[in-house]
Amino acid sequence: MKTMIFENQIKFFDRYRYGVMSAYLVIGSCIGSAAALLILKVDSGPFYLAISAVATMASNAVCIAQGAPKLCVYTFYIATFINIILIIAHAVIL
């Protein structure tokens, strides 16, 4: 079941590559900047900020470099998952 969902998303990404890519860039950057804002607000140190920045920039770099559709989709979801976990963790601290 999970594989079918990802396969459909990869096919959709491959068909509408540039539109989905721009949406991934905007959404991923917004979520990453929200995570960075909370990390800086809590002042939890540079380690968590670096994790958020590396995840976000890796996702953006793969999309900008026009990587394989599977790689673009997976890095976007991994970066979004990491940033959402950081947002939740730092929102609880506040």
Protein backbone atom coordinates (compact mmCIF):
# COMPACT_ATOMS: atom_id res chain seq x y z
CA MET A 1 0.00 0.00 0.00
CA LYS A 2 2.72 2.48 0.96
CA THR A 3 4.72 1.70 -2.13
CA MET A 4 1.71 2.38 -4.34
CA ILE A 5 1.20 5.80 -2.76
CA PHE A 6 4.83 6.76 -3.31
CA GLU A 7 4.84 5.33 -6.83
CA ASN A 8 1.78 7.42 -7.73
CA GLN A 9 3.43 10.52 -6.30
CA ILE A 10 6.61 9.84 -8.22
CA LYS A 11 4.62 9.43 -11.46
CA PHE A 12 2.74 12.65 -10.71
CA PHE A 13 6.03 14.42 -9.99
CA ASP A 14 7.54 13.14 -13.22
CA ARG A 15 4.55 14.31 -15.26
CA TYR A 16 4.25 17.79 -13.71
CA ARG A 17 7.90 18.16 -12.77
CA TYR A 18 8.41 21.93 -12.79
CA GLY A 19 5.14 22.82 -11.09
CA VAL A 20 5.56 20.26 -8.33
CA MET A 21 9.23 21.14 -7.98
CA SER A 22 8.43 24.80 -7.35
CA ALA A 23 5.78 23.79 -4.81
CA TYR A 24 8.30 21.51 -3.07
CA LEU A 25 10.82 24.35 -2.93
CA VAL A 26 8.34 26.83 -1.45
CA ILE A 27 6.70 24.44 1.02
CA GLY A 28 9.97 22.87 2.13
CA SER A 29 11.62 26.25 2.63
CA CYS A 30 8.66 27.58 4.62
CA ILE A 31 8.60 24.56 6.92
CA GLY A 32 12.39 24.71 7.31
CA SER A 33 12.32 28.41 8.17
CA ALA A 34 9.56 27.83 10.74
CA ALA A 35 11.71 25.12 12.33
CA ALA A 36 14.73 27.44 12.32
CA LEU A 37 12.67 30.21 13.92
CA LEU A 38 11.57 27.97 16.78
CA ILE A 39 15.07 26.57 17.24
CA LEU A 40 16.52 30.06 17.48
CA LYS A 41 13.72 31.27 19.75
CA VAL A 42 14.29 28.42 22.23
CA ASP A 43 18.09 28.91 21.88
CA SER A 44 18.79 25.18 21.87
CA GLY A 45 22.15 25.52 20.16
CA PRO A 46 23.59 25.22 16.68
CA PHE A 47 23.24 21.42 16.41
CA TYR A 48 19.47 21.39 15.83
CA LEU A 49 19.70 24.42 13.58
CA ALA A 50 22.31 22.64 11.48
CA ILE A 51 20.13 19.53 11.21
CA SER A 52 17.19 21.61 10.01
CA ALA A 53 19.29 23.62 7.58
CA VAL A 54 21.03 20.57 6.11
CA ALA A 55 17.76 18.70 5.63
CA THR A 56 16.04 21.68 4.00
CA MET A 57 18.95 22.62 1.78
CA ALA A 58 19.49 19.00 0.69
CA SER A 59 15.88 18.79 -0.44
CA ASN A 60 16.14 22.13 -2.25
CA ALA A 61 19.46 21.20 -3.86
CA VAL A 62 18.12 17.93 -5.26
CA CYS A 63 15.13 19.71 -6.78
CA ILE A 64 17.17 22.59 -8.20
CA ALA A 65 19.73 20.16 -9.65
CA GLN A 66 16.82 18.32 -11.32
CA GLY A 67 17.58 15.01 -9.65
CA ALA A 68 15.67 11.85 -10.32
CA PRO A 69 11.96 12.08 -9.46
CA LYS A 70 12.25 9.36 -6.82
CA LEU A 71 15.13 11.18 -5.13
CA CYS A 72 13.28 14.51 -5.18
CA VAL A 73 10.15 13.05 -3.62
CA TYR A 74 12.01 11.09 -0.95
CA THR A 75 14.30 13.95 0.09
CA PHE A 76 11.32 16.30 0.30
CA TYR A 77 9.45 13.93 2.60
CA ILE A 78 12.51 13.21 4.74
CA ALA A 79 13.29 16.92 5.13
CA THR A 80 9.67 17.73 5.91
CA PHE A 81 9.51 14.93 8.48
CA ILE A 82 12.72 16.09 10.18
CA ASN A 83 11.59 19.70 10.30
CA ILE A 84 8.13 18.85 11.62
CA ILE A 85 9.68 16.73 14.36
CA LEU A 86 11.95 19.66 15.27
CA ILE A 87 8.98 22.05 15.24
CA ILE A 88 6.97 19.80 17.57
CA ALA A 89 9.93 19.21 19.88
CA HIS A 90 10.73 22.91 20.19
CA ALA A 91 7.10 23.99 20.45
CA VAL A 92 6.73 21.74 23.49
CA ILE A 93 9.74 23.46 25.10
CA LEU A 94 8.11 26.87 24.63
